[in-house]
Amino acid sequence: MICLTHERTFTAIHESGHSVAYCRLGIDQTRVCIVPGNGMEGYNLVSAYVGDAVTALKHVLCALAGYGAAVAREGADTDFNTAAELISAWSLPGTLEEWTATAISFMTTDENIHAVELVTEALLEHETLEADYIGGLVERADGLPEHIWRQYVEWKYPDML
């Protein structure tokens, strides 16, 4: 049975925001999960390697995308810390506040709102999603026809229909 508490729904939206941003910006992710553990309500398993300033910029935006998706500060302290550390370590232009505004703008586009809705819905149902499934949901938000999506899921993830 799915527990749809406010906190669980918020966590799903928040983690979906990160996940959609990683997918859109080409940051390698393995999975997103909303099963609580290790002091966290959810997480995205991604490549932490930051080898240049462009990748650092992408990671800053992704770190703030959970906040941008929910447009609420609750539960996002580690995201702000991660973004602030990357901004400082890479001497990136702009302030944390400017990057937060950029993340909110990025996550509140129609296509990202729809992608977050799809990923959130799937997370609330399945609790953990693999990267290629997330990518498929983002493509679905961008207009991938329903019948093609269903064929893919039936082939790759038959238990998730």
C-alpha atoms as a PDB file:
ATOM      1  CA  MET A   1       0.000   0.000   0.000  1.00  0.00           C
ATOM      2  CA  ILE A   2       1.311   3.456  -0.900  1.00  0.00           C
ATOM      3  CA  CYS A   3       1.627   5.966   1.946  1.00  0.00           C
ATOM      4  CA  LEU A   4       0.733   9.386   0.501  1.00  0.00           C
ATOM      5  CA  THR A   5       1.626  11.668   3.363  1.00  0.00           C
ATOM      6  CA  HIS A   6       2.454  15.303   2.706  1.00  0.00           C
ATOM      7  CA  GLU A   7       6.111  14.623   3.565  1.00  0.00           C
ATOM      8  CA  ARG A   8       6.334  11.653   1.218  1.00  0.00           C
ATOM      9  CA  THR A   9       4.714  13.592  -1.621  1.00  0.00           C
ATOM     10  CA  PHE A  10       7.027  16.561  -0.981  1.00  0.00           C
ATOM     11  CA  THR A  11      10.038  14.216  -1.018  1.00  0.00           C
ATOM     12  CA  ALA A  12       8.901  12.677  -4.307  1.00  0.00           C
ATOM     13  CA  ILE A  13       8.448  16.111  -5.919  1.00  0.00           C
ATOM     14  CA  HIS A  14      11.784  17.300  -4.533  1.00  0.00           C
ATOM     15  CA  GLU A  15      13.741  14.236  -5.718  1.00  0.00           C
ATOM     16  CA  SER A  16      11.912  14.306  -9.065  1.00  0.00           C
ATOM     17  CA  GLY A  17      13.149  17.866  -9.574  1.00  0.00           C
ATOM     18  CA  HIS A  18      16.755  16.745  -9.121  1.00  0.00           C
ATOM     19  CA  SER A  19      16.196  13.720 -11.351  1.00  0.00           C
ATOM     20  CA  VAL A  20      14.640  15.681 -14.223  1.00  0.00           C
ATOM     21  CA  ALA A  21      17.461  18.243 -14.071  1.00  0.00           C
ATOM     22  CA  TYR A  22      20.142  15.511 -14.147  1.00  0.00           C
ATOM     23  CA  CYS A  23      18.422  13.966 -17.165  1.00  0.00           C
ATOM     24  CA  ARG A  24      17.947  17.271 -19.005  1.00  0.00           C
ATOM     25  CA  LEU A  25      21.519  18.443 -18.346  1.00  0.00           C
ATOM     26  CA  GLY A  26      23.222  15.139 -19.191  1.00  0.00           C
ATOM     27  CA  ILE A  27      24.564  14.298 -15.721  1.00  0.00           C
ATOM     28  CA  ASP A  28      24.912  10.525 -15.323  1.00  0.00           C
ATOM     29  CA  GLN A  29      22.410   9.205 -12.795  1.00  0.00           C
ATOM     30  CA  THR A  30      21.805   5.625 -11.759  1.00  0.00           C
ATOM     31  CA  ARG A  31      18.539   5.914  -9.853  1.00  0.00           C
ATOM     32  CA  VAL A  32      16.230   8.040  -7.731  1.00  0.00           C
ATOM     33  CA  CYS A  33      14.663   6.663  -4.554  1.00  0.00           C
ATOM     34  CA  ILE A  34      12.234   7.899  -1.891  1.00  0.00           C
ATOM     35  CA  VAL A  35      12.783   5.113   0.651  1.00  0.00           C
ATOM     36  CA  PRO A  36      13.982   6.870   3.834  1.00  0.00           C
ATOM     37  CA  GLY A  37      17.379   5.906   5.200  1.00  0.00           C
ATOM     38  CA  ASN A  38      20.767   7.220   6.318  1.00  0.00           C
ATOM     39  CA  GLY A  39      19.144  10.389   7.638  1.00  0.00           C
ATOM     40  CA  MET A  40      17.611  11.236   4.248  1.00  0.00           C
ATOM     41  CA  GLU A  41      14.039  11.023   3.016  1.00  0.00           C
ATOM     42  CA  GLY A  42      15.176  10.300  -0.553  1.00  0.00           C
ATOM     43  CA  TYR A  43      18.155  10.506  -2.861  1.00  0.00           C
ATOM     44  CA  ASN A  44      19.444  10.545  -6.426  1.00  0.00           C
ATOM     45  CA  LEU A  45      22.451   8.355  -7.154  1.00  0.00           C
ATOM     46  CA  VAL A  46      24.553  10.330  -9.638  1.00  0.00           C
ATOM     47  CA  SER A  47      28.091  10.792 -10.848  1.00  0.00           C
ATOM     48  CA  ALA A  48      29.779  13.104  -8.355  1.00  0.00           C
ATOM     49  CA  TYR A  49      32.714  13.764 -10.686  1.00  0.00           C
ATOM     50  CA  VAL A  50      33.109  17.454 -11.437  1.00  0.00           C
ATOM     51  CA  GLY A  51      36.075  17.937 -13.741  1.00  0.00           C
ATOM     52  CA  ASP A  52      35.450  21.413 -15.097  1.00  0.00           C
ATOM     53  CA  ALA A  53      33.487  24.596 -14.512  1.00  0.00           C
ATOM     54  CA  VAL A  54      30.744  23.713 -17.005  1.00  0.00           C
ATOM     55  CA  THR A  55      30.033  20.459 -15.171  1.00  0.00           C
ATOM     56  CA  ALA A  56      30.129  22.373 -11.882  1.00  0.00           C
ATOM     57  CA  LEU A  57      27.514  24.796 -13.243  1.00  0.00           C
ATOM     58  CA  LYS A  58      25.296  21.863 -14.193  1.00  0.00           C
ATOM     59  CA  HIS A  59      25.700  20.308 -10.738  1.00  0.00           C
ATOM     60  CA  VAL A  60      24.804  23.615  -9.075  1.00  0.00           C
ATOM     61  CA  LEU A  61      21.604  23.805 -11.101  1.00  0.00           C
ATOM     62  CA  CYS A  62      20.810  20.152 -10.338  1.00  0.00           C
ATOM     63  CA  ALA A  63      21.498  20.631  -6.623  1.00  0.00           C
ATOM     64  CA  LEU A  64      18.951  23.447  -6.550  1.00  0.00           C
ATOM     65  CA  ALA A  65      16.423  21.787  -8.863  1.00  0.00           C
ATOM     66  CA  GLY A  66      14.700  19.903  -6.036  1.00  0.00           C
ATOM     67  CA  TYR A  67      14.017  23.230  -4.408  1.00  0.00           C
ATOM     68  CA  GLY A  68      13.031  24.703  -7.742  1.00  0.00           C
ATOM     69  CA  ALA A  69      10.566  21.872  -8.351  1.00  0.00           C
ATOM     70  CA  ALA A  70       8.875  22.298  -5.003  1.00  0.00           C
ATOM     71  CA  VAL A  71       9.527  26.048  -4.662  1.00  0.00           C
ATOM     72  CA  ALA A  72       9.804  25.469  -0.929  1.00  0.00           C
ATOM     73  CA  ARG A  73      12.925  25.556   1.265  1.00  0.00           C
ATOM     74  CA  GLU A  74      11.746  22.789   3.599  1.00  0.00           C
ATOM     75  CA  GLY A  75      14.139  19.839   3.448  1.00  0.00           C
ATOM     76  CA  ALA A  76      16.567  21.368   0.970  1.00  0.00           C
ATOM     77  CA  ASP A  77      19.421  22.436   3.274  1.00  0.00           C
ATOM     78  CA  THR A  78      21.904  19.896   1.861  1.00  0.00           C
ATOM     79  CA  ASP A  79      21.067  21.068  -1.674  1.00  0.00           C
ATOM     80  CA  PHE A  80      21.917  24.661  -0.786  1.00  0.00           C
ATOM     81  CA  ASN A  81      25.152  23.509   0.891  1.00  0.00           C
ATOM     82  CA  THR A  82      26.150  21.429  -2.159  1.00  0.00           C
ATOM     83  CA  ALA A  83      25.446  24.326  -4.527  1.00  0.00           C
ATOM     84  CA  ALA A  84      27.310  26.836  -2.338  1.00  0.00           C
ATOM     85  CA  GLU A  85      30.340  24.522  -2.120  1.00  0.00           C
ATOM     86  CA  LEU A  86      30.446  24.080  -5.909  1.00  0.00           C
ATOM     87  CA  ILE A  87      30.042  27.808  -6.546  1.00  0.00           C
ATOM     88  CA  SER A  88      32.932  28.525  -4.200  1.00  0.00           C
ATOM     89  CA  ALA A  89      35.209  25.637  -5.291  1.00  0.00           C
ATOM     90  CA  TRP A  90      34.901  26.530  -8.970  1.00  0.00           C
ATOM     91  CA  SER A  91      34.702  30.329  -8.520  1.00  0.00           C
ATOM     92  CA  LEU A  92      31.480  30.279 -10.511  1.00  0.00           C
ATOM     93  CA  PRO A  93      29.842  33.589 -11.380  1.00  0.00           C
ATOM     94  CA  GLY A  94      26.762  34.661  -9.452  1.00  0.00           C
ATOM     95  CA  THR A  95      25.468  34.201  -5.936  1.00  0.00           C
ATOM     96  CA  LEU A  96      23.601  31.299  -4.418  1.00  0.00           C
ATOM     97  CA  GLU A  97      20.453  33.425  -4.561  1.00  0.00           C
ATOM     98  CA  GLU A  98      20.940  34.051  -8.303  1.00  0.00           C
ATOM     99  CA  TRP A  99      21.494  30.342  -8.938  1.00  0.00           C
ATOM    100  CA  THR A 100      18.401  29.509  -6.884  1.00  0.00           C
ATOM    101  CA  ALA A 101      16.344  31.883  -9.047  1.00  0.00           C
ATOM    102  CA  THR A 102      17.797  30.221 -12.167  1.00  0.00           C
ATOM    103  CA  ALA A 103      16.890  26.765 -10.823  1.00  0.00           C
ATOM    104  CA  ILE A 104      13.342  27.911 -10.109  1.00  0.00           C
ATOM    105  CA  SER A 105      13.047  29.325 -13.648  1.00  0.00           C
ATOM    106  CA  PHE A 106      14.467  26.107 -15.099  1.00  0.00           C
ATOM    107  CA  MET A 107      12.143  23.834 -13.128  1.00  0.00           C
ATOM    108  CA  THR A 108       8.987  25.885 -13.698  1.00  0.00           C
ATOM    109  CA  THR A 109       8.958  25.560 -17.493  1.00  0.00           C
ATOM    110  CA  ASP A 110       5.910  23.675 -18.752  1.00  0.00           C
ATOM    111  CA  GLU A 111       7.960  20.707 -19.974  1.00  0.00           C
ATOM    112  CA  ASN A 112       9.845  20.348 -16.682  1.00  0.00           C
ATOM    113  CA  ILE A 113       6.675  20.708 -14.614  1.00  0.00           C
ATOM    114  CA  HIS A 114       5.140  17.875 -16.640  1.00  0.00           C
ATOM    115  CA  ALA A 115       8.300  15.747 -16.344  1.00  0.00           C
ATOM    116  CA  VAL A 116       8.399  16.269 -12.562  1.00  0.00           C
ATOM    117  CA  GLU A 117       4.724  15.262 -12.337  1.00  0.00           C
ATOM    118  CA  LEU A 118       5.414  12.017 -14.236  1.00  0.00           C
ATOM    119  CA  VAL A 119       8.537  11.148 -12.226  1.00  0.00           C
ATOM    120  CA  THR A 120       6.785  12.026  -8.942  1.00  0.00           C
ATOM    121  CA  GLU A 121       3.811   9.814  -9.794  1.00  0.00           C
ATOM    122  CA  ALA A 122       6.127   6.898 -10.656  1.00  0.00           C
ATOM    123  CA  LEU A 123       8.222   7.438  -7.501  1.00  0.00           C
ATOM    124  CA  LEU A 124       5.155   7.424  -5.272  1.00  0.00           C
ATOM    125  CA  GLU A 125       4.109   4.136  -6.850  1.00  0.00           C
ATOM    126  CA  HIS A 126       7.473   2.342  -7.124  1.00  0.00           C
ATOM    127  CA  GLU A 127       9.752   4.220  -4.637  1.00  0.00           C
ATOM    128  CA  THR A 128      12.896   3.626  -6.744  1.00  0.00           C
ATOM    129  CA  LEU A 129      13.419   4.355 -10.449  1.00  0.00           C
ATOM    130  CA  GLU A 130      16.398   3.522 -12.634  1.00  0.00           C
ATOM    131  CA  ALA A 131      18.016   6.172 -14.850  1.00  0.00           C
ATOM    132  CA  ASP A 132      16.720   4.864 -18.177  1.00  0.00           C
ATOM    133  CA  TYR A 133      13.164   4.747 -16.816  1.00  0.00           C
ATOM    134  CA  ILE A 134      13.530   8.368 -15.679  1.00  0.00           C
ATOM    135  CA  GLY A 135      14.844   9.296 -19.130  1.00  0.00           C
ATOM    136  CA  GLY A 136      11.818   7.625 -20.671  1.00  0.00           C
ATOM    137  CA  LEU A 137       9.497   9.606 -18.411  1.00  0.00           C
ATOM    138  CA  VAL A 138      11.222  12.841 -19.442  1.00  0.00           C
ATOM    139  CA  GLU A 139      10.824  11.843 -23.105  1.00  0.00           C
ATOM    140  CA  ARG A 140       7.170  11.057 -22.362  1.00  0.00           C
ATOM    141  CA  ALA A 141       6.781  14.576 -20.942  1.00  0.00           C
ATOM    142  CA  ASP A 142       8.311  15.915 -24.154  1.00  0.00           C
ATOM    143  CA  GLY A 143       5.669  14.197 -26.282  1.00  0.00           C
ATOM    144  CA  LEU A 144       6.701  10.554 -26.735  1.00  0.00           C
ATOM    145  CA  PRO A 145       3.447   8.849 -27.771  1.00  0.00           C
ATOM    146  CA  GLU A 146       1.725   6.763 -25.074  1.00  0.00           C
ATOM    147  CA  HIS A 147       1.760   3.544 -27.153  1.00  0.00           C
ATOM    148  CA  ILE A 148       5.539   3.736 -27.691  1.00  0.00           C
ATOM    149  CA  TRP A 149       6.074   4.414 -23.970  1.00  0.00           C
ATOM    150  CA  ARG A 150       3.886   1.410 -23.052  1.00  0.00           C
ATOM    151  CA  GLN A 151       5.770  -0.866 -25.487  1.00  0.00           C
ATOM    152  CA  TYR A 152       9.081   0.200 -23.960  1.00  0.00           C
ATOM    153  CA  VAL A 153       7.898  -0.355 -20.387  1.00  0.00           C
ATOM    154  CA  GLU A 154       6.298  -3.712 -21.252  1.00  0.00           C
ATOM    155  CA  TRP A 155       9.598  -4.820 -22.774  1.00  0.00           C
ATOM    156  CA  LYS A 156      12.046  -3.398 -20.242  1.00  0.00           C
ATOM    157  CA  TYR A 157      10.018  -3.090 -17.011  1.00  0.00           C
ATOM    158  CA  PRO A 158       6.995  -5.420 -17.233  1.00  0.00           C
ATOM    159  CA  ASP A 159       6.424  -5.282 -13.461  1.00  0.00           C
ATOM    160  CA  MET A 160       6.050  -1.504 -13.521  1.00  0.00           C
ATOM    161  CA  LEU A 161       2.824  -1.325 -15.524  1.00  0.00           C
END
